[in-house]
């Protein structure tokens, strides 16, 4: 096995991973609950950018509203996680890499 070829492939993969990470950071993921009455937007770093609550929800029990916010947050997080995995698998050619690579 040619070590230089292996190093070149590793550098190419690293470049692809960095590009995918940059693209993910710019993406917006929206999680919703209660038929879009509660919406949470987050970026690819999973930083929450906005929380939108339909005014009609303000008459609901606080605990119900809290549950709907949690559901929307988890929905957005899962979308970001799935897209991240998809993009990293593509960038690495589906190689099983250690966490944090």
PDB file of N, CA and C in Angstrom:
ATOM      1  N   UNK A   1       0.846  -1.183   0.000  1.00  0.00           N
ATOM      2  CA  UNK A   1       0.000   0.000   0.000  1.00  0.00           C
ATOM      3  C   UNK A   1       0.887   1.241   0.000  1.00  0.00           C
ATOM      4  N   UNK A   2       0.594   2.156  -0.886  1.00  0.00           N
ATOM      5  CA  UNK A   2       1.360   3.386  -1.024  1.00  0.00           C
ATOM      6  C   UNK A   2       0.943   4.367   0.063  1.00  0.00           C
ATOM      7  N   UNK A   3       1.868   4.684   0.960  1.00  0.00           N
ATOM      8  CA  UNK A   3       1.580   5.563   2.096  1.00  0.00           C
ATOM      9  C   UNK A   3       1.236   6.976   1.622  1.00  0.00           C
ATOM     10  N   UNK A   4       1.883   7.457   0.575  1.00  0.00           N
ATOM     11  CA  UNK A   4       1.594   8.797   0.064  1.00  0.00           C
ATOM     12  C   UNK A   4       0.178   8.877  -0.512  1.00  0.00           C
ATOM     13  N   UNK A   5      -0.232   7.810  -1.190  1.00  0.00           N
ATOM     14  CA  UNK A   5      -1.585   7.770  -1.729  1.00  0.00           C
ATOM     15  C   UNK A   5      -2.597   7.759  -0.579  1.00  0.00           C
ATOM     16  N   UNK A   6      -2.303   7.006   0.450  1.00  0.00           N
ATOM     17  CA  UNK A   6      -3.170   6.946   1.621  1.00  0.00           C
ATOM     18  C   UNK A   6      -3.272   8.313   2.292  1.00  0.00           C
ATOM     19  N   UNK A   7      -2.157   9.008   2.415  1.00  0.00           N
ATOM     20  CA  UNK A   7      -2.157  10.344   3.019  1.00  0.00           C
ATOM     21  C   UNK A   7      -2.957  11.326   2.158  1.00  0.00           C
ATOM     22  N   UNK A   8      -2.815  11.203   0.849  1.00  0.00           N
ATOM     23  CA  UNK A   8      -3.557  12.083  -0.056  1.00  0.00           C
ATOM     24  C   UNK A   8      -5.062  11.853   0.093  1.00  0.00           C
ATOM     25  N   UNK A   9      -5.458  10.593   0.170  1.00  0.00           N
ATOM     26  CA  UNK A   9      -6.876  10.262   0.346  1.00  0.00           C
ATOM     27  C   UNK A   9      -7.397  10.800   1.677  1.00  0.00           C
ATOM     28  N   UNK A  10      -6.586  10.699   2.732  1.00  0.00           N
ATOM     29  CA  UNK A  10      -6.985  11.204   4.049  1.00  0.00           C
ATOM     30  C   UNK A  10      -7.160  12.717   4.011  1.00  0.00           C
ATOM     31  N   UNK A  11      -6.267  13.419   3.311  1.00  0.00           N
ATOM     32  CA  UNK A  11      -6.388  14.875   3.195  1.00  0.00           C
ATOM     33  C   UNK A  11      -7.635  15.260   2.404  1.00  0.00           C
ATOM     34  N   UNK A  12      -7.930  14.514   1.340  1.00  0.00           N
ATOM     35  CA  UNK A  12      -9.136  14.777   0.554  1.00  0.00           C
ATOM     36  C   UNK A  12     -10.385  14.583   1.409  1.00  0.00           C
ATOM     37  N   UNK A  13     -10.385  13.521   2.220  1.00  0.00           N
ATOM     38  CA  UNK A  13     -11.519  13.251   3.082  1.00  0.00           C
ATOM     39  C   UNK A  13     -11.667  14.358   4.122  1.00  0.00           C
ATOM     40  N   UNK A  14     -10.558  14.810   4.662  1.00  0.00           N
ATOM     41  CA  UNK A  14     -10.601  15.880   5.658  1.00  0.00           C
ATOM     42  C   UNK A  14     -11.181  17.160   5.048  1.00  0.00           C
ATOM     43  N   UNK A  15     -10.800  17.460   3.827  1.00  0.00           N
ATOM     44  CA  UNK A  15     -11.326  18.635   3.128  1.00  0.00           C
ATOM     45  C   UNK A  15     -12.835  18.508   2.926  1.00  0.00           C
ATOM     46  N   UNK A  16     -13.282  17.319   2.531  1.00  0.00           N
ATOM     47  CA  UNK A  16     -14.709  17.089   2.331  1.00  0.00           C
ATOM     48  C   UNK A  16     -15.478  17.220   3.645  1.00  0.00           C
ATOM     49  N   UNK A  17     -14.905  16.711   4.728  1.00  0.00           N
ATOM     50  CA  UNK A  17     -15.560  16.793   6.037  1.00  0.00           C
ATOM     51  C   UNK A  17     -15.683  18.246   6.477  1.00  0.00           C
ATOM     52  N   UNK A  18     -14.611  19.022   6.311  1.00  0.00           N
ATOM     53  CA  UNK A  18     -14.662  20.440   6.694  1.00  0.00           C
ATOM     54  C   UNK A  18     -15.704  21.187   5.868  1.00  0.00           C
ATOM     55  N   UNK A  19     -15.790  20.883   4.580  1.00  0.00           N
ATOM     56  CA  UNK A  19     -16.779  21.529   3.719  1.00  0.00           C
ATOM     57  C   UNK A  19     -18.189  21.168   4.187  1.00  0.00           C
ATOM     58  N   UNK A  20     -18.410  19.900   4.497  1.00  0.00           N
ATOM     59  CA  UNK A  20     -19.720  19.463   4.973  1.00  0.00           C
ATOM     60  C   UNK A  20     -20.074  20.150   6.288  1.00  0.00           C
ATOM     61  N   UNK A  21     -19.108  20.290   7.185  1.00  0.00           N
ATOM     62  CA  UNK A  21     -19.356  20.957   8.462  1.00  0.00           C
ATOM     63  C   UNK A  21     -19.751  22.414   8.247  1.00  0.00           C
ATOM     64  N   UNK A  22     -19.062  23.092   7.346  1.00  0.00           N
ATOM     65  CA  UNK A  22     -19.374  24.487   7.049  1.00  0.00           C
ATOM     66  C   UNK A  22     -20.780  24.612   6.465  1.00  0.00           C
ATOM     67  N   UNK A  23     -21.131  23.704   5.550  1.00  0.00           N
ATOM     68  CA  UNK A  23     -22.467  23.725   4.955  1.00  0.00           C
ATOM     69  C   UNK A  23     -23.537  23.470   6.017  1.00  0.00           C
ATOM     70  N   UNK A  24     -23.271  22.525   6.910  1.00  0.00           N
ATOM     71  CA  UNK A  24     -24.233  22.212   7.976  1.00  0.00           C
ATOM     72  C   UNK A  24     -24.467  23.403   8.885  1.00  0.00           C
ATOM     73  N   UNK A  25     -23.401  24.115   9.225  1.00  0.00           N
ATOM     74  CA  UNK A  25     -23.524  25.277  10.107  1.00  0.00           C
ATOM     75  C   UNK A  25     -24.470  26.316   9.524  1.00  0.00           C
ATOM     76  N   UNK A  26     -24.515  26.416   8.208  1.00  0.00           N
ATOM     77  CA  UNK A  26     -25.350  27.421   7.546  1.00  0.00           C
ATOM     78  C   UNK A  26     -26.793  26.965   7.358  1.00  0.00           C
ATOM     79  N   UNK A  27     -27.055  25.687   7.539  1.00  0.00           N
ATOM     80  CA  UNK A  27     -28.409  25.171   7.340  1.00  0.00           C
ATOM     81  C   UNK A  27     -29.307  25.501   8.526  1.00  0.00           C
ATOM     82  N   UNK A  28     -30.586  25.643   8.227  1.00  0.00           N
ATOM     83  CA  UNK A  28     -31.599  25.897   9.248  1.00  0.00           C
ATOM     84  C   UNK A  28     -32.528  24.683   9.289  1.00  0.00           C
ATOM     85  N   UNK A  29     -32.752  24.172  10.489  1.00  0.00           N
ATOM     86  CA  UNK A  29     -33.634  23.027  10.696  1.00  0.00           C
ATOM     87  C   UNK A  29     -34.821  23.482  11.540  1.00  0.00           C
ATOM     88  N   UNK A  30     -36.022  23.137  11.089  1.00  0.00           N
ATOM     89  CA  UNK A  30     -37.235  23.557  11.780  1.00  0.00           C
ATOM     90  C   UNK A  30     -37.938  22.344  12.361  1.00  0.00           C
ATOM     91  N   UNK A  31     -38.200  22.425  13.641  1.00  0.00           N
ATOM     92  CA  UNK A  31     -38.990  21.404  14.309  1.00  0.00           C
ATOM     93  C   UNK A  31     -40.330  22.001  14.675  1.00  0.00           C
ATOM     94  N   UNK A  32     -41.382  21.215  14.538  1.00  0.00           N
ATOM     95  CA  UNK A  32     -42.723  21.707  14.836  1.00  0.00           C
ATOM     96  C   UNK A  32     -43.481  20.724  15.718  1.00  0.00           C
ATOM     97  N   UNK A  33     -44.527  21.228  16.317  1.00  0.00           N
ATOM     98  CA  UNK A  33     -45.469  20.371  17.034  1.00  0.00           C
ATOM     99  C   UNK A  33     -46.837  21.029  17.000  1.00  0.00           C
ATOM    100  N   UNK A  34     -47.831  20.248  17.335  1.00  0.00           N
ATOM    101  CA  UNK A  34     -49.227  20.717  17.353  1.00  0.00           C
ATOM    102  C   UNK A  34     -49.625  21.350  16.021  1.00  0.00           C
ATOM    103  N   UNK A  35     -49.290  20.671  14.927  1.00  0.00           N
ATOM    104  CA  UNK A  35     -49.679  21.176  13.614  1.00  0.00           C
ATOM    105  C   UNK A  35     -49.103  22.536  13.301  1.00  0.00           C
ATOM    106  N   UNK A  36     -47.850  22.748  13.599  1.00  0.00           N
ATOM    107  CA  UNK A  36     -47.122  23.993  13.342  1.00  0.00           C
ATOM    108  C   UNK A  36     -47.506  25.138  14.272  1.00  0.00           C
ATOM    109  N   UNK A  37     -48.198  24.853  15.353  1.00  0.00           N
ATOM    110  CA  UNK A  37     -48.521  25.912  16.298  1.00  0.00           C
ATOM    111  C   UNK A  37     -47.314  26.296  17.145  1.00  0.00           C
ATOM    112  N   UNK A  38     -46.367  25.383  17.240  1.00  0.00           N
ATOM    113  CA  UNK A  38     -45.096  25.658  17.915  1.00  0.00           C
ATOM    114  C   UNK A  38     -43.985  25.288  16.948  1.00  0.00           C
ATOM    115  N   UNK A  39     -43.064  26.231  16.706  1.00  0.00           N
ATOM    116  CA  UNK A  39     -41.946  26.020  15.783  1.00  0.00           C
ATOM    117  C   UNK A  39     -40.643  26.431  16.454  1.00  0.00           C
ATOM    118  N   UNK A  40     -39.616  25.621  16.237  1.00  0.00           N
ATOM    119  CA  UNK A  40     -38.277  25.961  16.701  1.00  0.00           C
ATOM    120  C   UNK A  40     -37.338  25.827  15.515  1.00  0.00           C
ATOM    121  N   UNK A  41     -36.507  26.852  15.314  1.00  0.00           N
ATOM    122  CA  UNK A  41     -35.491  26.806  14.266  1.00  0.00           C
ATOM    123  C   UNK A  41     -34.128  26.752  14.921  1.00  0.00           C
ATOM    124  N   UNK A  42     -33.269  25.901  14.364  1.00  0.00           N
ATOM    125  CA  UNK A  42     -31.897  25.813  14.852  1.00  0.00           C
ATOM    126  C   UNK A  42     -30.967  25.645  13.671  1.00  0.00           C
ATOM    127  N   UNK A  43     -29.703  25.983  13.895  1.00  0.00           N
ATOM    128  CA  UNK A  43     -28.724  25.808  12.834  1.00  0.00           C
ATOM    129  C   UNK A  43     -28.078  24.431  12.959  1.00  0.00           C
ATOM    130  N   UNK A  44     -27.146  24.156  12.065  1.00  0.00           N
ATOM    131  CA  UNK A  44     -26.476  22.858  12.052  1.00  0.00           C
ATOM    132  C   UNK A  44     -25.615  22.593  13.261  1.00  0.00           C
ATOM    133  N   UNK A  45     -25.290  23.628  14.014  1.00  0.00           N
ATOM    134  CA  UNK A  45     -24.563  23.447  15.275  1.00  0.00           C
ATOM    135  C   UNK A  45     -25.525  23.134  16.410  1.00  0.00           C
ATOM    136  N   UNK A  46     -26.803  23.099  16.074  1.00  0.00           N
ATOM    137  CA  UNK A  46     -27.895  22.852  17.018  1.00  0.00           C
ATOM    138  C   UNK A  46     -28.067  23.984  18.017  1.00  0.00           C
ATOM    139  N   UNK A  47     -27.744  25.197  17.573  1.00  0.00           N
ATOM    140  CA  UNK A  47     -28.034  26.397  18.348  1.00  0.00           C
ATOM    141  C   UNK A  47     -29.451  26.832  17.994  1.00  0.00           C
ATOM    142  N   UNK A  48     -30.291  27.046  18.984  1.00  0.00           N
ATOM    143  CA  UNK A  48     -31.668  27.476  18.730  1.00  0.00           C
ATOM    144  C   UNK A  48     -31.633  28.937  18.278  1.00  0.00           C
ATOM    145  N   UNK A  49     -32.244  29.193  17.132  1.00  0.00           N
ATOM    146  CA  UNK A  49     -32.269  30.528  16.550  1.00  0.00           C
ATOM    147  C   UNK A  49     -33.571  31.254  16.840  1.00  0.00           C
ATOM    148  N   UNK A  50     -34.667  30.495  16.872  1.00  0.00           N
ATOM    149  CA  UNK A  50     -35.948  31.134  17.160  1.00  0.00           C
ATOM    150  C   UNK A  50     -36.949  30.125  17.697  1.00  0.00           C
ATOM    151  N   UNK A  51     -37.886  30.653  18.459  1.00  0.00           N
ATOM    152  CA  UNK A  51     -39.017  29.882  18.972  1.00  0.00           C
ATOM    153  C   UNK A  51     -40.261  30.687  18.625  1.00  0.00           C
ATOM    154  N   UNK A  52     -41.184  30.074  17.931  1.00  0.00           N
ATOM    155  CA  UNK A  52     -42.425  30.740  17.543  1.00  0.00           C
ATOM    156  C   UNK A  52     -43.595  29.960  18.138  1.00  0.00           C
ATOM    157  N   UNK A  53     -44.468  30.676  18.817  1.00  0.00           N
ATOM    158  CA  UNK A  53     -45.643  30.070  19.426  1.00  0.00           C
ATOM    159  C   UNK A  53     -46.864  30.818  18.926  1.00  0.00           C
ATOM    160  N   UNK A  54     -47.774  30.088  18.312  1.00  0.00           N
ATOM    161  CA  UNK A  54     -49.008  30.698  17.824  1.00  0.00           C
ATOM    162  C   UNK A  54     -49.758  31.288  19.018  1.00  0.00           C
ATOM    163  N   UNK A  55     -50.265  32.514  18.874  1.00  0.00           N
ATOM    164  CA  UNK A  55     -50.975  33.161  19.989  1.00  0.00           C
ATOM    165  C   UNK A  55     -52.132  32.332  20.552  1.00  0.00           C
ATOM    166  N   UNK A  56     -52.732  31.492  19.734  1.00  0.00           N
ATOM    167  CA  UNK A  56     -53.850  30.670  20.221  1.00  0.00           C
ATOM    168  C   UNK A  56     -53.406  29.689  21.302  1.00  0.00           C
ATOM    169  N   UNK A  57     -52.108  29.412  21.369  1.00  0.00           N
ATOM    170  CA  UNK A  57     -51.582  28.473  22.365  1.00  0.00           C
ATOM    171  C   UNK A  57     -51.438  29.124  23.736  1.00  0.00           C
ATOM    172  N   UNK A  58     -51.556  30.418  23.804  1.00  0.00           N
ATOM    173  CA  UNK A  58     -51.336  31.116  25.070  1.00  0.00           C
ATOM    174  C   UNK A  58     -52.446  30.858  26.092  1.00  0.00           C
ATOM    175  N   UNK A  59     -53.551  30.326  25.639  1.00  0.00           N
ATOM    176  CA  UNK A  59     -54.629  30.021  26.574  1.00  0.00           C
ATOM    177  C   UNK A  59     -54.535  28.585  27.105  1.00  0.00           C
ATOM    178  N   UNK A  60     -53.538  27.848  26.645  1.00  0.00           N
ATOM    179  CA  UNK A  60     -53.354  26.457  27.066  1.00  0.00           C
ATOM    180  C   UNK A  60     -52.619  26.378  28.398  1.00  0.00           C
ATOM    181  N   UNK A  61     -52.697  25.225  29.010  1.00  0.00           N
ATOM    182  CA  UNK A  61     -51.944  24.960  30.235  1.00  0.00           C
ATOM    183  C   UNK A  61     -50.456  25.128  29.961  1.00  0.00           C
ATOM    184  N   UNK A  62     -49.744  25.663  30.930  1.00  0.00           N
ATOM    185  CA  UNK A  62     -48.305  25.867  30.781  1.00  0.00           C
ATOM    186  C   UNK A  62     -47.611  24.540  30.528  1.00  0.00           C
ATOM    187  N   UNK A  63     -47.980  23.496  31.238  1.00  0.00           N
ATOM    188  CA  UNK A  63     -47.319  22.199  31.063  1.00  0.00           C
ATOM    189  C   UNK A  63     -47.520  21.657  29.654  1.00  0.00           C
ATOM    190  N   UNK A  64     -48.691  21.906  29.058  1.00  0.00           N
ATOM    191  CA  UNK A  64     -48.925  21.462  27.685  1.00  0.00           C
ATOM    192  C   UNK A  64     -48.025  22.222  26.719  1.00  0.00           C
ATOM    193  N   UNK A  65     -47.935  23.521  26.909  1.00  0.00           N
ATOM    194  CA  UNK A  65     -47.077  24.341  26.055  1.00  0.00           C
ATOM    195  C   UNK A  65     -45.617  23.920  26.194  1.00  0.00           C
ATOM    196  N   UNK A  66     -45.185  23.638  27.402  1.00  0.00           N
ATOM    197  CA  UNK A  66     -43.809  23.166  27.625  1.00  0.00           C
ATOM    198  C   UNK A  66     -43.555  21.864  26.866  1.00  0.00           C
ATOM    199  N   UNK A  67     -44.514  20.947  26.903  1.00  0.00           N
ATOM    200  CA  UNK A  67     -44.377  19.679  26.178  1.00  0.00           C
ATOM    201  C   UNK A  67     -44.286  19.905  24.673  1.00  0.00           C
ATOM    202  N   UNK A  68     -45.086  20.841  24.166  1.00  0.00           N
ATOM    203  CA  UNK A  68     -45.060  21.127  22.725  1.00  0.00           C
ATOM    204  C   UNK A  68     -43.734  21.761  22.309  1.00  0.00           C
ATOM    205  N   UNK A  69     -43.193  22.625  23.153  1.00  0.00           N
ATOM    206  CA  UNK A  69     -41.883  23.228  22.862  1.00  0.00           C
ATOM    207  C   UNK A  69     -40.817  22.147  22.858  1.00  0.00           C
ATOM    208  N   UNK A  70     -40.860  21.256  23.828  1.00  0.00           N
ATOM    209  CA  UNK A  70     -39.897  20.159  23.892  1.00  0.00           C
ATOM    210  C   UNK A  70     -39.994  19.267  22.658  1.00  0.00           C
ATOM    211  N   UNK A  71     -41.212  18.975  22.239  1.00  0.00           N
ATOM    212  CA  UNK A  71     -41.408  18.147  21.045  1.00  0.00           C
ATOM    213  C   UNK A  71     -40.832  18.829  19.809  1.00  0.00           C
ATOM    214  N   UNK A  72     -41.075  20.119  19.645  1.00  0.00           N
ATOM    215  CA  UNK A  72     -40.541  20.859  18.497  1.00  0.00           C
ATOM    216  C   UNK A  72     -39.020  20.905  18.540  1.00  0.00           C
ATOM    217  N   UNK A  73     -38.461  21.113  19.722  1.00  0.00           N
ATOM    218  CA  UNK A  73     -37.000  21.135  19.872  1.00  0.00           C
ATOM    219  C   UNK A  73     -36.406  19.791  19.478  1.00  0.00           C
ATOM    220  N   UNK A  74     -36.981  18.720  19.975  1.00  0.00           N
ATOM    221  CA  UNK A  74     -36.469  17.391  19.648  1.00  0.00           C
ATOM    222  C   UNK A  74     -36.616  17.074  18.166  1.00  0.00           C
ATOM    223  N   UNK A  75     -37.673  17.560  17.555  1.00  0.00           N
ATOM    224  CA  UNK A  75     -37.877  17.371  16.122  1.00  0.00           C
ATOM    225  C   UNK A  75     -36.783  18.068  15.318  1.00  0.00           C
ATOM    226  N   UNK A  76     -36.488  19.312  15.649  1.00  0.00           N
ATOM    227  CA  UNK A  76     -35.435  20.053  14.951  1.00  0.00           C
ATOM    228  C   UNK A  76     -34.072  19.405  15.180  1.00  0.00           C
ATOM    229  N   UNK A  77     -33.824  18.960  16.402  1.00  0.00           N
ATOM    230  CA  UNK A  77     -32.545  18.314  16.723  1.00  0.00           C
ATOM    231  C   UNK A  77     -32.363  17.039  15.903  1.00  0.00           C
ATOM    232  N   UNK A  78     -33.409  16.251  15.805  1.00  0.00           N
ATOM    233  CA  UNK A  78     -33.323  15.006  15.047  1.00  0.00           C
ATOM    234  C   UNK A  78     -33.078  15.273  13.565  1.00  0.00           C
ATOM    235  N   UNK A  79     -33.730  16.290  13.014  1.00  0.00           N
ATOM    236  CA  UNK A  79     -33.497  16.644  11.607  1.00  0.00           C
ATOM    237  C   UNK A  79     -32.042  17.058  11.390  1.00  0.00           C
ATOM    238  N   UNK A  80     -31.508  17.857  12.296  1.00  0.00           N
ATOM    239  CA  UNK A  80     -30.112  18.291  12.185  1.00  0.00           C
ATOM    240  C   UNK A  80     -29.172  17.094  12.314  1.00  0.00           C
ATOM    241  N   UNK A  81     -29.458  16.204  13.244  1.00  0.00           N
ATOM    242  CA  UNK A  81     -28.618  15.009  13.459  1.00  0.00           C
ATOM    243  C   UNK A  81     -28.616  14.113  12.221  1.00  0.00           C
ATOM    244  N   UNK A  82     -29.801  13.883  11.650  1.00  0.00           N
ATOM    245  CA  UNK A  82     -29.909  13.036  10.464  1.00  0.00           C
ATOM    246  C   UNK A  82     -29.144  13.629   9.280  1.00  0.00           C
ATOM    247  N   UNK A  83     -29.308  14.945   9.067  1.00  0.00           N
ATOM    248  CA  UNK A  83     -28.619  15.597   7.949  1.00  0.00           C
ATOM    249  C   UNK A  83     -27.112  15.564   8.164  1.00  0.00           C
ATOM    250  N   UNK A  84     -26.677  15.765   9.387  1.00  0.00           N
ATOM    251  CA  UNK A  84     -25.256  15.720   9.710  1.00  0.00           C
ATOM    252  C   UNK A  84     -24.682  14.341   9.400  1.00  0.00           C
ATOM    253  N   UNK A  85     -25.372  13.304   9.825  1.00  0.00           N
ATOM    254  CA  UNK A  85     -24.896  11.944   9.562  1.00  0.00           C
ATOM    255  C   UNK A  85     -24.838  11.678   8.065  1.00  0.00           C
ATOM    256  N   UNK A  86     -25.887  12.090   7.360  1.00  0.00           N
ATOM    257  CA  UNK A  86     -25.937  11.896   5.907  1.00  0.00           C
ATOM    258  C   UNK A  86     -24.753  12.586   5.216  1.00  0.00           C
ATOM    259  N   UNK A  87     -24.499  13.831   5.603  1.00  0.00           N
ATOM    260  CA  UNK A  87     -23.427  14.586   4.954  1.00  0.00           C
ATOM    261  C   UNK A  87     -22.047  14.041   5.334  1.00  0.00           C
ATOM    262  N   UNK A  88     -21.873  13.621   6.572  1.00  0.00           N
ATOM    263  CA  UNK A  88     -20.578  13.077   6.991  1.00  0.00           C
ATOM    264  C   UNK A  88     -20.328  11.715   6.352  1.00  0.00           C
ATOM    265  N   UNK A  89     -21.371  10.897   6.231  1.00  0.00           N
ATOM    266  CA  UNK A  89     -21.221   9.612   5.544  1.00  0.00           C
ATOM    267  C   UNK A  89     -20.797   9.828   4.101  1.00  0.00           C
ATOM    268  N   UNK A  90     -21.402  10.829   3.468  1.00  0.00           N
ATOM    269  CA  UNK A  90     -21.056  11.141   2.082  1.00  0.00           C
ATOM    270  C   UNK A  90     -19.613  11.647   1.980  1.00  0.00           C
ATOM    271  N   UNK A  91     -19.220  12.510   2.907  1.00  0.00           N
ATOM    272  CA  UNK A  91     -17.877  13.093   2.872  1.00  0.00           C
ATOM    273  C   UNK A  91     -16.793  12.061   3.150  1.00  0.00           C
ATOM    274  N   UNK A  92     -17.107  11.063   3.973  1.00  0.00           N
ATOM    275  CA  UNK A  92     -16.100  10.062   4.350  1.00  0.00           C
ATOM    276  C   UNK A  92     -16.222   8.777   3.550  1.00  0.00           C
ATOM    277  N   UNK A  93     -17.158   8.737   2.626  1.00  0.00           N
ATOM    278  CA  UNK A  93     -17.346   7.514   1.848  1.00  0.00           C
ATOM    279  C   UNK A  93     -17.879   6.381   2.713  1.00  0.00           C
ATOM    280  N   UNK A  94     -18.648   6.710   3.735  1.00  0.00           N
ATOM    281  CA  UNK A  94     -19.253   5.744   4.670  1.00  0.00           C
ATOM    282  C   UNK A  94     -18.215   4.949   5.462  1.00  0.00           C
ATOM    283  N   UNK A  95     -17.012   5.487   5.595  1.00  0.00           N
ATOM    284  CA  UNK A  95     -16.008   4.810   6.412  1.00  0.00           C
ATOM    285  C   UNK A  95     -16.397   4.940   7.890  1.00  0.00           C
ATOM    286  N   UNK A  96     -16.267   3.872   8.640  1.00  0.00           N
ATOM    287  CA  UNK A  96     -16.567   3.976  10.066  1.00  0.00           C
ATOM    288  C   UNK A  96     -15.431   4.714  10.794  1.00  0.00           C
ATOM    289  N   UNK A  97     -15.667   5.953  11.139  1.00  0.00           N
ATOM    290  CA  UNK A  97     -14.645   6.764  11.799  1.00  0.00           C
ATOM    291  C   UNK A  97     -14.956   6.915  13.275  1.00  0.00           C
ATOM    292  N   UNK A  98     -13.930   7.116  14.087  1.00  0.00           N
ATOM    293  CA  UNK A  98     -14.182   7.310  15.511  1.00  0.00           C
ATOM    294  C   UNK A  98     -14.937   8.616  15.755  1.00  0.00           C
ATOM    295  N   UNK A  99     -15.716   8.668  16.846  1.00  0.00           N
ATOM    296  CA  UNK A  99     -16.462   9.898  17.151  1.00  0.00           C
ATOM    297  C   UNK A  99     -15.524  11.100  17.261  1.00  0.00           C
ATOM    298  N   UNK A 100     -15.999  12.242  16.767  1.00  0.00           N
ATOM    299  CA  UNK A 100     -15.216  13.454  16.850  1.00  0.00           C
ATOM    300  C   UNK A 100     -14.232  13.669  15.716  1.00  0.00           C
ATOM    301  N   UNK A 101     -14.180  12.711  14.771  1.00  0.00           N
ATOM    302  CA  UNK A 101     -13.249  12.859  13.649  1.00  0.00           C
ATOM    303  C   UNK A 101     -13.739  13.913  12.707  1.00  0.00           C
TER     304      UNK A 101
END
